[in-house]
N, C-alpha and C. Protein backbone atom coordinates (compact mmCIF):
# COMPACT_ATOMS: atom_id res chain seq x y z
N MET A 1 45.20 -28.14 88.83
CA MET A 1 45.14 -28.98 90.80
C MET A 1 46.92 -28.49 90.20
N THR A 2 47.33 -28.83 89.65
CA THR A 2 48.94 -28.57 90.14
C THR A 2 49.53 -27.56 90.58
N ALA A 3 49.00 -26.24 90.03
CA ALA A 3 49.05 -25.08 90.75
C ALA A 3 48.60 -25.51 91.89
N GLU A 4 47.80 -25.27 92.40
CA GLU A 4 46.86 -24.49 93.90
C GLU A 4 47.55 -26.55 94.43
N LYS A 5 48.04 -27.24 94.27
CA LYS A 5 49.11 -28.36 95.14
C LYS A 5 50.05 -27.75 95.57
N ASN A 6 50.61 -27.17 94.13
CA ASN A 6 52.15 -26.59 94.61
C ASN A 6 51.75 -24.65 95.28
N ARG A 7 50.59 -24.12 95.39
CA ARG A 7 50.58 -23.73 96.74
C ARG A 7 50.90 -23.85 97.87
N LYS A 8 49.84 -24.79 97.66
CA LYS A 8 49.38 -25.86 99.42
C LYS A 8 50.81 -25.92 99.95
N GLU A 9 51.62 -26.36 99.40
CA GLU A 9 53.23 -27.24 99.77
C GLU A 9 54.06 -26.19 100.29
N ASN A 10 53.88 -25.02 99.30
CA ASN A 10 54.44 -23.93 99.67
C ASN A 10 54.39 -23.53 100.76
N LYS A 11 53.38 -23.18 101.46
CA LYS A 11 52.55 -23.04 102.59
C LYS A 11 53.56 -23.91 103.87
N THR A 12 52.88 -25.64 103.63
CA THR A 12 53.14 -26.27 104.29
C THR A 12 54.80 -26.05 104.64
N LEU A 13 55.33 -25.96 102.85
CA LEU A 13 57.00 -25.66 103.91
C LEU A 13 57.17 -24.21 104.48
N LYS A 14 56.46 -23.41 104.30
CA LYS A 14 56.73 -21.42 104.74
C LYS A 14 56.12 -22.00 106.57
N SER A 15 55.45 -22.63 107.16
CA SER A 15 54.96 -22.89 108.22
C SER A 15 56.23 -24.19 109.54
N THR A 16 56.90 -24.55 108.38
CA THR A 16 58.28 -25.58 108.78
C THR A 16 59.24 -24.80 108.81
N VAL A 17 59.64 -24.30 108.39
CA VAL A 17 60.75 -23.29 108.06
C VAL A 17 60.43 -21.89 109.51
N ALA A 18 59.11 -21.85 109.79
CA ALA A 18 59.05 -21.01 110.41
C ALA A 18 58.70 -21.11 111.86
N LEU A 19 58.22 -22.46 112.38
CA LEU A 19 58.13 -23.63 113.47
C LEU A 19 59.88 -23.99 113.45
N GLU A 20 60.58 -24.16 112.27
CA GLU A 20 62.10 -24.49 113.05
C GLU A 20 63.07 -22.70 113.73
N ASN A 21 62.88 -21.77 112.94
CA ASN A 21 63.48 -20.14 113.90
C ASN A 21 62.86 -20.10 114.57
N ALA A 22 61.30 -20.21 114.67
CA ALA A 22 60.89 -20.48 116.74
C ALA A 22 61.59 -20.74 117.42
N GLU A 23 62.16 -21.98 116.84
CA GLU A 23 63.40 -22.91 117.93
C GLU A 23 64.40 -22.77 117.98
N ASP A 24 65.40 -22.30 116.94
CA ASP A 24 66.60 -21.52 116.72
C ASP A 24 66.52 -20.65 115.73
N PRO A 25 66.39 -19.79 116.62
CA PRO A 25 66.78 -18.32 115.67
C PRO A 25 67.29 -18.16 114.48
N PHE A 26 68.65 -19.37 114.89
CA PHE A 26 69.56 -19.62 113.42
C PHE A 26 69.55 -20.07 112.64
N ALA A 27 68.78 -20.79 112.33
CA ALA A 27 67.99 -22.26 111.33
C ALA A 27 67.82 -20.93 110.04
N GLY A 28 68.81 -21.07 108.90
CA GLY A 28 67.42 -20.51 108.02
C GLY A 28 69.27 -19.48 107.85
N LEU A 29 70.11 -19.07 108.68
CA LEU A 29 70.97 -17.91 107.95
C LEU A 29 72.59 -18.96 108.20
N PRO A 30 73.69 -18.47 107.81
CA PRO A 30 74.39 -18.63 107.67
C PRO A 30 75.10 -19.17 109.04
N PRO A 31 76.02 -20.48 108.42
CA PRO A 31 76.67 -20.52 109.63
C PRO A 31 77.74 -19.43 110.10
N ALA A 32 78.11 -19.69 111.62
CA ALA A 32 78.26 -18.64 111.82
C ALA A 32 80.36 -19.11 112.10
N ASN A 33 80.73 -20.29 111.20
CA ASN A 33 82.23 -19.74 110.38
C ASN A 33 82.65 -19.32 108.96
N THR A 34 81.21 -17.92 108.56
CA THR A 34 80.54 -17.77 107.50
C THR A 34 82.55 -17.26 107.40
N LYS A 35 82.97 -17.32 105.47
CA LYS A 35 83.99 -16.34 105.71
C LYS A 35 83.83 -15.93 104.50
N ARG A 36 83.07 -16.33 103.15
CA ARG A 36 82.79 -15.76 101.82
C ARG A 36 81.52 -15.47 102.11
N TRP A 37 81.54 -13.74 102.43
CA TRP A 37 79.69 -13.55 102.46
C TRP A 37 79.85 -12.76 100.27
N VAL A 38 78.82 -13.63 100.31
CA VAL A 38 77.82 -13.47 99.25
C VAL A 38 76.82 -12.29 99.60
N VAL A 39 75.99 -11.55 98.42
CA VAL A 39 75.34 -10.55 99.05
C VAL A 39 73.96 -11.50 99.13
N SER A 40 73.70 -13.18 99.32
CA SER A 40 72.89 -13.51 99.79
C SER A 40 72.43 -13.54 101.29
N ARG A 41 73.92 -13.52 101.18
CA ARG A 41 74.35 -13.80 102.97
C ARG A 41 74.47 -12.91 103.86
N LYS A 42 74.71 -11.90 103.23
CA LYS A 42 74.91 -10.25 103.96
C LYS A 42 73.06 -9.96 103.98
N ALA A 43 72.13 -10.19 103.02
CA ALA A 43 71.60 -9.68 103.26
C ALA A 43 70.38 -10.30 104.58
N GLN A 44 70.45 -11.98 104.32
CA GLN A 44 69.63 -13.00 105.17
C GLN A 44 69.80 -12.12 106.60
N VAL A 45 71.22 -12.21 106.75
CA VAL A 45 71.97 -11.51 108.10
C VAL A 45 71.43 -9.98 108.75
N VAL A 46 71.20 -9.31 107.65
CA VAL A 46 70.34 -7.32 107.46
C VAL A 46 69.08 -7.85 108.16
N ARG A 47 68.34 -8.80 107.33
CA ARG A 47 66.97 -8.86 107.38
C ARG A 47 66.69 -9.49 109.25
N ALA A 48 67.56 -9.92 109.44
CA ALA A 48 67.10 -11.16 110.15
C ALA A 48 67.51 -10.42 111.70
N VAL A 49 68.05 -9.55 111.25
CA VAL A 49 67.72 -8.18 112.52
C VAL A 49 66.91 -7.49 112.68
N GLU A 50 66.35 -7.32 111.62
CA GLU A 50 65.76 -6.31 111.09
C GLU A 50 64.64 -6.26 111.23
N ASP A 51 64.22 -8.05 111.27
CA ASP A 51 62.88 -8.65 111.75
C ASP A 51 62.72 -9.08 112.69
N GLY A 52 63.95 -9.05 113.88
CA GLY A 52 63.82 -8.63 115.23
C GLY A 52 64.13 -10.38 116.02
N VAL A 53 64.69 -11.34 114.53
CA VAL A 53 65.20 -12.72 114.56
C VAL A 53 66.12 -12.67 115.64
N ILE A 54 66.90 -11.86 114.86
CA ILE A 54 68.97 -12.00 116.47
C ILE A 54 69.02 -10.53 116.63
N SER A 55 69.03 -10.45 117.45
CA SER A 55 69.82 -8.73 117.64
C SER A 55 70.64 -8.75 117.36
N LEU A 56 71.46 -7.01 117.58
CA LEU A 56 73.00 -6.45 116.75
C LEU A 56 73.46 -7.61 116.73
N GLU A 57 73.82 -8.31 118.64
CA GLU A 57 74.63 -8.14 119.18
C GLU A 57 75.34 -10.12 118.88
N GLN A 58 73.92 -10.04 118.97
CA GLN A 58 74.23 -11.54 118.85
C GLN A 58 74.80 -12.52 117.32
N ALA A 59 74.19 -11.34 116.19
CA ALA A 59 74.73 -11.43 114.89
C ALA A 59 76.13 -10.54 114.33
N CYS A 60 76.90 -10.01 115.65
CA CYS A 60 78.10 -9.49 115.35
C CYS A 60 78.68 -10.33 115.89
N ASP A 61 78.99 -10.59 117.21
CA ASP A 61 78.94 -11.95 117.66
C ASP A 61 79.59 -13.04 116.88
N ARG A 62 78.40 -13.45 116.68
CA ARG A 62 77.91 -14.75 115.96
C ARG A 62 79.37 -14.81 114.76
N TYR A 63 79.17 -13.14 113.72
CA TYR A 63 79.64 -13.35 112.34
C TYR A 63 81.03 -12.55 112.75
N SER A 64 81.82 -12.40 113.36
CA SER A 64 82.71 -11.49 114.00
C SER A 64 82.63 -10.04 113.14
N LEU A 65 81.03 -9.43 113.61
CA LEU A 65 81.09 -8.09 112.75
C LEU A 65 80.91 -7.64 113.48
N SER A 66 81.69 -5.97 112.76
CA SER A 66 81.56 -4.32 113.74
C SER A 66 80.20 -4.35 113.42
N HIS A 67 79.84 -3.13 114.70
CA HIS A 67 78.91 -2.26 114.76
C HIS A 67 79.12 -1.80 113.45
N GLU A 68 79.64 -1.24 112.54
CA GLU A 68 80.37 -0.11 111.55
C GLU A 68 79.98 -0.41 110.60
N GLU A 69 80.65 -2.29 110.20
CA GLU A 69 80.47 -3.31 109.07
C GLU A 69 79.19 -3.76 108.82
N PHE A 70 78.15 -4.07 110.01
CA PHE A 70 76.85 -4.65 109.50
C PHE A 70 76.32 -3.08 109.22
N SER A 71 76.15 -2.00 109.91
CA SER A 71 75.33 -0.93 109.14
C SER A 71 75.61 -0.69 108.27
N HIS A 72 77.14 -0.27 107.38
CA HIS A 72 77.19 -0.02 105.91
C HIS A 72 76.08 -1.14 105.28
N TRP A 73 76.52 -2.14 105.63
CA TRP A 73 75.59 -3.78 104.71
C TRP A 73 73.87 -2.61 104.82
N ARG A 74 73.46 -2.83 106.06
CA ARG A 74 72.15 -2.06 105.94
C ARG A 74 71.74 -0.83 105.48
N GLU A 75 72.87 -0.07 105.22
CA GLU A 75 73.17 1.42 104.97
C GLU A 75 72.72 0.86 102.91
N LEU A 76 74.21 0.57 103.26
CA LEU A 76 73.16 0.26 101.22
C LEU A 76 72.60 -0.66 100.39
N ILE A 77 71.84 -1.56 101.27
CA ILE A 77 70.61 -1.97 101.42
C ILE A 77 69.85 -1.05 101.19
N LYS A 78 69.50 0.18 102.28
CA LYS A 78 68.28 0.94 102.00
C LYS A 78 68.26 2.16 100.90
N ALA A 79 69.87 2.51 100.49
CA ALA A 79 69.83 3.03 99.63
C ALA A 79 69.63 2.90 98.53
N HIS A 80 71.10 1.33 98.20
CA HIS A 80 70.39 1.49 96.78
C HIS A 80 69.79 -0.14 96.71
N GLY A 81 69.23 -0.79 97.51
CA GLY A 81 69.36 -2.22 97.33
C GLY A 81 70.14 -3.51 97.96
N THR A 82 69.91 -4.45 97.45
CA THR A 82 70.46 -5.76 97.74
C THR A 82 72.08 -5.00 96.95
N ARG A 83 71.55 -5.45 95.86
CA ARG A 83 72.83 -4.82 94.89
C ARG A 83 74.16 -4.59 94.87
N ALA A 84 73.66 -3.29 95.94
CA ALA A 84 74.92 -2.49 96.77
C ALA A 84 76.17 -3.33 97.31
N LEU A 85 75.03 -5.08 97.84
CA LEU A 85 76.27 -5.42 98.42
C LEU A 85 77.95 -6.56 97.89
N ARG A 86 77.70 -6.31 96.26
CA ARG A 86 78.24 -6.44 95.58
C ARG A 86 79.49 -6.00 96.53
N ALA A 87 80.71 -6.72 96.38
CA ALA A 87 82.06 -6.28 97.08
C ALA A 87 81.97 -5.46 95.86
N THR A 88 82.18 -5.79 93.86
CA THR A 88 82.58 -4.76 93.12
C THR A 88 82.21 -3.74 93.14
N ARG A 89 80.79 -3.59 94.08
CA ARG A 89 80.15 -2.27 93.22
C ARG A 89 80.41 -1.33 94.53
N ILE A 90 80.37 -1.56 95.91
CA ILE A 90 80.44 -0.88 97.57
C ILE A 90 81.77 0.18 96.00
N GLN A 91 82.32 0.59 96.01
CA GLN A 91 83.36 1.29 95.65
C GLN A 91 82.65 2.33 94.66
N ASP A 92 81.68 1.95 94.00
CA ASP A 92 81.07 2.28 93.08
C ASP A 92 80.15 3.75 94.20
N TYR A 93 79.14 2.81 94.90
CA TYR A 93 78.36 3.52 95.52
C TYR A 93 79.63 5.19 96.96
N ARG A 94 80.33 3.59 96.77
CA ARG A 94 81.04 5.08 98.39
C ARG A 94 81.25 6.52 97.56
N ARG A 95 82.02 6.08 96.31
CA ARG A 95 81.56 7.06 95.55
C ARG A 95 81.07 8.36 95.22
N ALA A 96 80.17 8.15 94.93
CA ALA A 96 78.26 8.24 94.85
C ALA A 96 77.52 9.83 96.22
N SER A 97 78.51 8.71 96.88
CA SER A 97 77.46 9.19 98.21
C SER A 97 78.63 10.22 98.35
N ARG A 98 80.20 10.25 98.22
CA ARG A 98 80.72 11.42 99.11
C ARG A 98 80.38 12.45 97.94
N ARG A 99 80.45 12.04 96.65
CA ARG A 99 79.67 13.40 95.96
C ARG A 99 78.93 14.25 96.08
N PHE A 100 77.37 13.66 96.85
CA PHE A 100 76.94 13.74 97.21
C PHE A 100 76.49 15.04 98.22
N ARG A 101 77.62 13.47 99.37
CA ARG A 101 77.50 14.62 100.68
C ARG A 101 78.29 16.12 100.29
N SER A 102 79.41 16.02 99.60
CA SER A 102 79.90 17.68 98.96
C SER A 102 78.90 18.48 97.91
N GLU A 103 78.18 17.58 97.58
CA GLU A 103 77.31 18.91 97.05
C GLU A 103 76.79 19.72 98.08
N ARG A 104 76.41 19.13 98.98
CA ARG A 104 75.57 20.14 99.88
C ARG A 104 75.87 21.17 100.45
């Protein structure tokens, strides 16, 4: 019975979050004054734009991002998954991409 109760509570929580997001598209997203961009925050913003929760323009304005930076995040996620957004890994993925392009 406990597992079923947990599932019901999770469904209720998810629908509450969905209602909050419908009223405020920025609910559940990082604060506008975010200075430290960890992987999870970058992924949240990319996911929100891809899901149509906010527009690319809204994301770039709110977080002072360039279109190029946002596109880079999106490309890294598509090519290598969210782990590629780690600042310590970006150089490795950039090198691999350059090697791939030069081999063509």
